């Protein structure tokens, strides 16, 4: 399974709150400066995927809320 599919599956299993906590954890690890270059790049890549996935989920939920609200008017 490639990384994109793994990340997509992981995102589907995590709540937005869990994703945000993981993003914070990754940011703390990167700020610490104790990771090697390869590990830091891998963590950065994971963080970017989480941020994009989280943003996508939030956008979808906002669209649903807006649609439901418009239907009520």
N, C-alpha and C. Protein backbone atom coordinates (compact mmCIF):
# COMPACT_ATOMS: atom_id res chain seq x y z
N UNK A 1 0.86 -1.18 0.00
CA UNK A 1 0.00 0.00 0.00
C UNK A 1 0.90 1.24 0.00
N UNK A 2 0.59 2.19 -0.87
CA UNK A 2 1.44 3.37 -0.94
C UNK A 2 1.11 4.34 0.19
N UNK A 3 1.95 5.36 0.34
CA UNK A 3 1.82 6.30 1.47
C UNK A 3 0.51 7.08 1.42
N UNK A 4 0.06 7.45 0.22
CA UNK A 4 -1.17 8.22 0.11
C UNK A 4 -2.36 7.41 0.61
N UNK A 5 -2.42 6.13 0.24
CA UNK A 5 -3.51 5.27 0.70
C UNK A 5 -3.42 5.04 2.20
N UNK A 6 -2.21 4.84 2.71
CA UNK A 6 -2.01 4.65 4.14
C UNK A 6 -2.48 5.88 4.90
N UNK A 7 -2.12 7.06 4.42
CA UNK A 7 -2.51 8.29 5.08
C UNK A 7 -4.02 8.47 5.02
N UNK A 8 -4.61 8.20 3.87
CA UNK A 8 -6.06 8.32 3.73
C UNK A 8 -6.77 7.39 4.71
N UNK A 9 -6.30 6.15 4.81
CA UNK A 9 -6.89 5.20 5.75
C UNK A 9 -6.71 5.67 7.19
N UNK A 10 -5.54 6.20 7.49
CA UNK A 10 -5.26 6.69 8.83
C UNK A 10 -6.17 7.86 9.17
N UNK A 11 -6.36 8.79 8.23
CA UNK A 11 -7.21 9.95 8.46
C UNK A 11 -8.65 9.54 8.69
N UNK A 12 -9.09 8.51 7.99
CA UNK A 12 -10.47 8.06 8.13
C UNK A 12 -10.72 7.49 9.53
N UNK A 13 -9.68 6.96 10.15
CA UNK A 13 -9.80 6.36 11.48
C UNK A 13 -9.62 7.38 12.60
N UNK A 14 -9.20 8.60 12.28
CA UNK A 14 -8.91 9.60 13.30
C UNK A 14 -9.94 10.72 13.27
N UNK A 15 -10.30 11.20 14.45
CA UNK A 15 -11.16 12.38 14.51
C UNK A 15 -10.31 13.61 14.19
N UNK A 16 -10.98 14.72 13.92
CA UNK A 16 -10.25 15.96 13.65
C UNK A 16 -9.39 16.32 14.86
N UNK A 17 -9.94 16.14 16.05
CA UNK A 17 -9.18 16.45 17.26
C UNK A 17 -7.93 15.59 17.38
N UNK A 18 -8.06 14.30 17.06
CA UNK A 18 -6.91 13.40 17.11
C UNK A 18 -5.86 13.80 16.08
N UNK A 19 -6.32 14.23 14.90
CA UNK A 19 -5.39 14.68 13.88
C UNK A 19 -4.63 15.92 14.34
N UNK A 20 -5.36 16.86 14.95
CA UNK A 20 -4.71 18.08 15.44
C UNK A 20 -3.68 17.77 16.53
N UNK A 21 -4.01 16.83 17.41
CA UNK A 21 -3.05 16.43 18.44
C UNK A 21 -1.80 15.81 17.82
N UNK A 22 -1.99 14.98 16.80
CA UNK A 22 -0.85 14.37 16.11
C UNK A 22 0.00 15.43 15.42
N UNK A 23 -0.65 16.43 14.82
CA UNK A 23 0.08 17.52 14.18
C UNK A 23 0.91 18.27 15.22
N UNK A 24 0.34 18.53 16.38
CA UNK A 24 1.07 19.21 17.45
C UNK A 24 2.26 18.37 17.92
N UNK A 25 2.05 17.07 18.01
CA UNK A 25 3.12 16.16 18.43
C UNK A 25 4.28 16.20 17.42
N UNK A 26 3.94 16.15 16.16
CA UNK A 26 4.97 16.20 15.10
C UNK A 26 5.71 17.53 15.14
N UNK A 27 4.96 18.63 15.30
CA UNK A 27 5.60 19.95 15.36
C UNK A 27 6.57 20.03 16.53
N UNK A 28 6.19 19.48 17.67
CA UNK A 28 7.08 19.49 18.85
C UNK A 28 8.34 18.69 18.58
N UNK A 29 8.20 17.54 17.92
CA UNK A 29 9.36 16.72 17.59
C UNK A 29 10.30 17.47 16.65
N UNK A 30 9.73 18.14 15.67
CA UNK A 30 10.55 18.89 14.71
C UNK A 30 11.23 20.08 15.37
N UNK A 31 10.52 20.76 16.27
CA UNK A 31 11.09 21.91 16.96
C UNK A 31 12.20 21.49 17.91
N UNK A 32 12.11 20.29 18.45
CA UNK A 32 13.11 19.78 19.38
C UNK A 32 14.49 19.72 18.74
N UNK A 33 14.52 19.40 17.45
CA UNK A 33 15.80 19.38 16.73
C UNK A 33 16.62 18.13 16.94
N UNK A 34 16.07 17.11 17.58
CA UNK A 34 16.86 15.92 17.86
C UNK A 34 16.73 14.83 16.80
N UNK A 35 15.88 15.06 15.80
CA UNK A 35 15.69 14.07 14.74
C UNK A 35 16.77 14.22 13.68
N UNK A 36 17.11 13.11 13.07
CA UNK A 36 18.01 13.15 11.92
C UNK A 36 17.26 13.72 10.72
N UNK A 37 17.99 14.05 9.69
CA UNK A 37 17.40 14.69 8.52
C UNK A 37 16.31 13.83 7.88
N UNK A 38 16.57 12.57 7.64
CA UNK A 38 15.58 11.68 7.01
C UNK A 38 14.34 11.55 7.86
N UNK A 39 14.52 11.36 9.15
CA UNK A 39 13.38 11.23 10.06
C UNK A 39 12.59 12.53 10.14
N UNK A 40 13.30 13.65 10.17
CA UNK A 40 12.63 14.95 10.21
C UNK A 40 11.82 15.19 8.94
N UNK A 41 12.37 14.83 7.80
CA UNK A 41 11.64 14.98 6.53
C UNK A 41 10.41 14.09 6.50
N UNK A 42 10.54 12.87 7.00
CA UNK A 42 9.40 11.95 7.05
C UNK A 42 8.30 12.49 7.97
N UNK A 43 8.71 13.03 9.12
CA UNK A 43 7.74 13.62 10.05
C UNK A 43 7.07 14.84 9.43
N UNK A 44 7.84 15.67 8.75
CA UNK A 44 7.30 16.85 8.08
C UNK A 44 6.26 16.44 7.05
N UNK A 45 6.62 15.44 6.25
CA UNK A 45 5.70 14.94 5.22
C UNK A 45 4.41 14.41 5.85
N UNK A 46 4.53 13.67 6.93
CA UNK A 46 3.35 13.17 7.64
C UNK A 46 2.50 14.33 8.15
N UNK A 47 3.15 15.33 8.69
CA UNK A 47 2.44 16.50 9.19
C UNK A 47 1.69 17.24 8.10
N UNK A 48 2.33 17.40 6.96
CA UNK A 48 1.68 18.08 5.82
C UNK A 48 0.45 17.29 5.39
N UNK A 49 0.57 15.98 5.30
CA UNK A 49 -0.58 15.16 4.91
C UNK A 49 -1.71 15.28 5.93
N UNK A 50 -1.35 15.29 7.21
CA UNK A 50 -2.37 15.44 8.25
C UNK A 50 -3.07 16.79 8.15
N UNK A 51 -2.30 17.84 7.96
CA UNK A 51 -2.88 19.19 7.85
C UNK A 51 -3.83 19.26 6.65
N UNK A 52 -3.40 18.75 5.52
CA UNK A 52 -4.25 18.78 4.32
C UNK A 52 -5.51 17.94 4.51
N UNK A 53 -5.35 16.78 5.09
CA UNK A 53 -6.50 15.90 5.32
C UNK A 53 -7.47 16.51 6.30
N UNK A 54 -6.94 17.08 7.36
CA UNK A 54 -7.76 17.73 8.38
C UNK A 54 -8.51 18.91 7.77
N UNK A 55 -7.82 19.71 7.01
CA UNK A 55 -8.46 20.87 6.37
C UNK A 55 -9.56 20.42 5.42
N UNK A 56 -9.33 19.34 4.70
CA UNK A 56 -10.33 18.82 3.79
C UNK A 56 -11.57 18.34 4.52
N UNK A 57 -11.37 17.67 5.64
CA UNK A 57 -12.51 17.20 6.44
C UNK A 57 -13.31 18.37 6.99
N UNK A 58 -12.62 19.38 7.45
CA UNK A 58 -13.30 20.55 7.99
C UNK A 58 -14.08 21.26 6.89
N UNK A 59 -13.48 21.41 5.72
CA UNK A 59 -14.18 22.05 4.60
C UNK A 59 -15.45 21.28 4.22
N UNK A 60 -15.37 19.96 4.20
CA UNK A 60 -16.54 19.14 3.89
C UNK A 60 -17.64 19.33 4.92
N UNK A 61 -17.26 19.36 6.18
CA UNK A 61 -18.26 19.55 7.24
C UNK A 61 -18.90 20.92 7.15
N UNK A 62 -18.13 21.94 6.86
CA UNK A 62 -18.67 23.29 6.71
C UNK A 62 -19.65 23.34 5.54
N UNK A 63 -19.30 22.69 4.43
CA UNK A 63 -20.19 22.65 3.27
C UNK A 63 -21.51 21.97 3.63
N UNK A 64 -21.45 20.88 4.38
CA UNK A 64 -22.67 20.19 4.80
C UNK A 64 -23.51 21.10 5.68
N UNK A 65 -22.88 21.77 6.63
CA UNK A 65 -23.60 22.67 7.53
C UNK A 65 -24.24 23.81 6.74
N UNK A 66 -23.50 24.39 5.82
CA UNK A 66 -24.04 25.49 5.01
C UNK A 66 -25.21 25.02 4.16
N UNK A 67 -25.09 23.84 3.58
CA UNK A 67 -26.15 23.29 2.75
C UNK A 67 -27.41 23.03 3.58
N UNK A 68 -27.23 22.44 4.76
CA UNK A 68 -28.37 22.17 5.63
C UNK A 68 -29.04 23.45 6.07
N UNK A 69 -28.24 24.47 6.36
CA UNK A 69 -28.77 25.76 6.79
C UNK A 69 -29.55 26.41 5.67
N UNK A 70 -29.03 26.36 4.45
CA UNK A 70 -29.71 26.94 3.30
C UNK A 70 -31.04 26.23 3.03
N UNK A 71 -31.07 24.92 3.24
CA UNK A 71 -32.29 24.14 3.01
C UNK A 71 -33.38 24.52 4.02
N UNK A 72 -32.98 24.96 5.20
CA UNK A 72 -33.92 25.32 6.24
C UNK A 72 -34.56 26.68 5.98
N UNK A 73 -33.93 27.50 5.18
CA UNK A 73 -34.46 28.85 4.91
C UNK A 73 -35.58 28.84 3.94
